[in-house]
Protein backbone atom coordinates (compact mmCIF):
# COMPACT_ATOMS: atom_id res chain seq x y z
CA MET A 1 -2.69 -10.40 22.82
CA ALA A 2 -2.62 -7.08 22.02
CA ASN A 3 -0.68 -7.26 19.11
CA ARG A 4 -3.42 -9.75 17.73
CA ARG A 5 -5.84 -7.24 18.48
CA ASN A 6 -3.98 -4.20 16.87
CA ASN A 7 -3.65 -6.76 13.70
CA ARG A 8 -7.10 -7.42 13.60
CA LEU A 9 -8.17 -3.58 14.04
CA SER A 10 -5.72 -2.73 11.21
CA GLU A 11 -7.18 -5.26 8.99
CA GLU A 12 -11.06 -3.87 9.83
CA VAL A 13 -10.11 -0.34 9.11
CA LYS A 14 -8.39 -1.55 5.80
CA ARG A 15 -11.49 -3.29 4.76
CA VAL A 16 -13.68 -0.23 5.44
CA LEU A 17 -11.27 2.19 4.24
CA CYS A 18 -11.11 0.50 0.84
CA GLU A 19 -15.09 0.32 0.94
CA ILE A 20 -15.42 4.15 1.93
CA ILE A 21 -12.79 5.13 -0.84
CA ARG A 22 -14.57 3.22 -3.59
CA SER A 23 -17.97 3.95 -2.69
CA ASP A 24 -18.40 7.18 -0.90
CA VAL A 25 -15.35 9.35 -1.95
CA LYS A 26 -16.36 11.25 -5.43
CA ASP A 27 -13.21 12.75 -5.85
CA PRO A 28 -12.51 12.30 -9.69
CA ARG A 29 -8.32 12.60 -8.76
CA ILE A 30 -8.57 9.35 -7.55
CA SER A 31 -7.90 6.73 -9.78
CA GLU A 32 -9.82 3.60 -10.26
CA LEU A 33 -6.14 1.70 -10.70
CA MET A 34 -5.68 3.12 -6.94
CA SER A 35 -5.17 0.15 -3.95
CA ILE A 36 -4.97 0.09 -0.10
CA THR A 37 -1.80 -2.09 0.18
CA ASP A 38 -1.76 -2.18 3.98
CA VAL A 39 -2.71 -0.16 6.93
CA GLN A 40 -1.08 -0.48 10.46
CA VAL A 41 -2.76 1.25 13.34
CA THR A 42 -0.31 2.43 16.30
CA GLU A 43 -0.59 0.59 19.48
CA ASP A 44 -2.33 3.31 21.11
CA LEU A 45 -4.80 3.76 18.37
CA LYS A 46 -4.18 7.64 17.46
CA TYR A 47 -2.55 7.27 14.19
CA ALA A 48 -3.04 4.92 10.87
CA LYS A 49 -0.19 4.78 8.60
CA VAL A 50 -2.28 3.73 5.44
CA TYR A 51 -0.10 2.57 2.49
CA VAL A 52 -1.56 3.56 -1.17
CA SER A 53 -0.40 2.22 -4.34
CA ASP A 54 -1.34 3.42 -7.64
CA TYR A 55 -0.79 2.93 -11.47
CA ASN A 56 -1.28 6.34 -12.70
CA ASP A 57 -0.40 9.31 -10.86
CA ILE A 58 0.32 8.63 -7.18
CA GLU A 59 0.73 12.34 -6.03
CA THR A 60 -2.38 13.30 -7.26
CA THR A 61 -4.09 10.26 -5.61
CA LEU A 62 -2.46 11.09 -2.18
CA ARG A 63 -3.41 14.79 -2.69
CA ALA A 64 -7.03 14.07 -3.25
CA LEU A 65 -6.82 11.55 -0.08
CA GLU A 66 -5.53 14.00 1.91
CA SER A 67 -8.13 16.48 0.94
CA ALA A 68 -10.99 13.90 1.92
CA LYS A 69 -9.25 12.61 4.98
CA GLY A 70 -11.82 14.34 7.66
CA PHE A 71 -14.70 12.79 5.76
CA ILE A 72 -12.99 9.54 5.55
CA LYS A 73 -12.21 9.67 9.21
CA ARG A 74 -15.58 10.45 10.15
CA GLU A 75 -17.09 7.63 8.10
CA ILE A 76 -14.68 5.08 9.52
CA GLY A 77 -16.17 6.14 13.18
CA LYS A 78 -19.68 5.18 11.96
CA LYS A 79 -18.37 2.03 10.35
CA VAL A 80 -16.27 0.67 13.26
CA LYS A 81 -16.91 0.37 16.59
CA MET A 82 -13.95 2.45 18.34
CA ARG A 83 -13.57 4.69 21.08
CA ILE A 84 -10.37 6.46 19.27
CA ILE A 85 -10.82 7.02 15.44
CA PRO A 86 -7.34 7.13 14.46
CA GLU A 87 -5.53 9.84 12.50
CA LEU A 88 -5.20 8.86 8.95
CA ILE A 89 -1.52 9.16 7.17
CA PHE A 90 -1.27 8.51 3.65
CA ILE A 91 2.02 7.09 2.55
CA LYS A 92 2.89 6.01 -1.01
CA ASP A 93 3.89 2.28 -1.34
CA ASP A 94 6.16 1.51 -3.59
CA SER A 95 6.75 -2.24 -2.95
CA ILE A 96 5.43 -3.08 -6.13
CA GLU A 97 8.29 -0.92 -7.78
CA ARG A 98 10.84 -2.35 -5.45
CA GLY A 99 9.81 -5.93 -6.50
CA MET A 100 9.76 -5.14 -9.74
CA HIS A 101 13.21 -3.87 -9.75
CA MET A 102 14.62 -6.45 -7.79
CA SER A 103 13.07 -9.07 -9.89
CA SER A 104 14.94 -7.27 -12.77
CA LEU A 105 18.41 -7.49 -10.92
CA ILE A 106 17.91 -11.15 -10.58
CA ASP A 107 16.93 -11.58 -14.17
CA LYS A 108 19.96 -9.69 -15.13
CA ILE A 109 22.23 -11.94 -13.03
CA ILE A 110 20.59 -15.18 -14.36
CA GLU A 111 21.26 -13.95 -17.79
CA GLU A 112 25.17 -12.93 -16.92
CA ASP A 113 25.58 -16.31 -15.13
CA ARG A 114 24.37 -18.13 -18.61
CA ILE A 115 26.85 -16.18 -20.98
CA ARG A 116 29.45 -16.85 -18.24
CA LYS A 117 28.68 -20.66 -18.50
CA VAL A 118 28.31 -20.74 -22.37
CA ASN A 119 31.63 -19.07 -22.57
CA GLU A 120 33.32 -21.51 -19.98
CA ASP A 121 31.93 -24.35 -22.03
CA ASN A 122 33.23 -22.72 -25.32
CA ALA A 123 36.88 -22.15 -23.66
CA GLU A 124 36.91 -25.79 -22.68
CA GLU A 125 36.42 -27.06 -26.03
């Protein structure tokens, strides 16, 4: 029961956070290509890990979000009914990069397998 509640709360914080960053935060260092990929609120509601992805300079975006953290937290408090507003921890989400790397490794193995089969077929003839 608590886990389901926590998941709903995480999704609500993510939705509100995206809305706040897009419409209320006016920092030019935050890229248009930035996205919040996931939010995980801890069971005690003290912390929220915010996973950020950006196709441009992720480090600049993370610094901008850190500097706007107080404002963002205050706005979350206005828009989400919670007794405790979690402390935001912004984390670089590199899952897209890892996925692309894994995809390239799979493509490489498929190509090597295709070449091996062609070589075996040529050796049989």
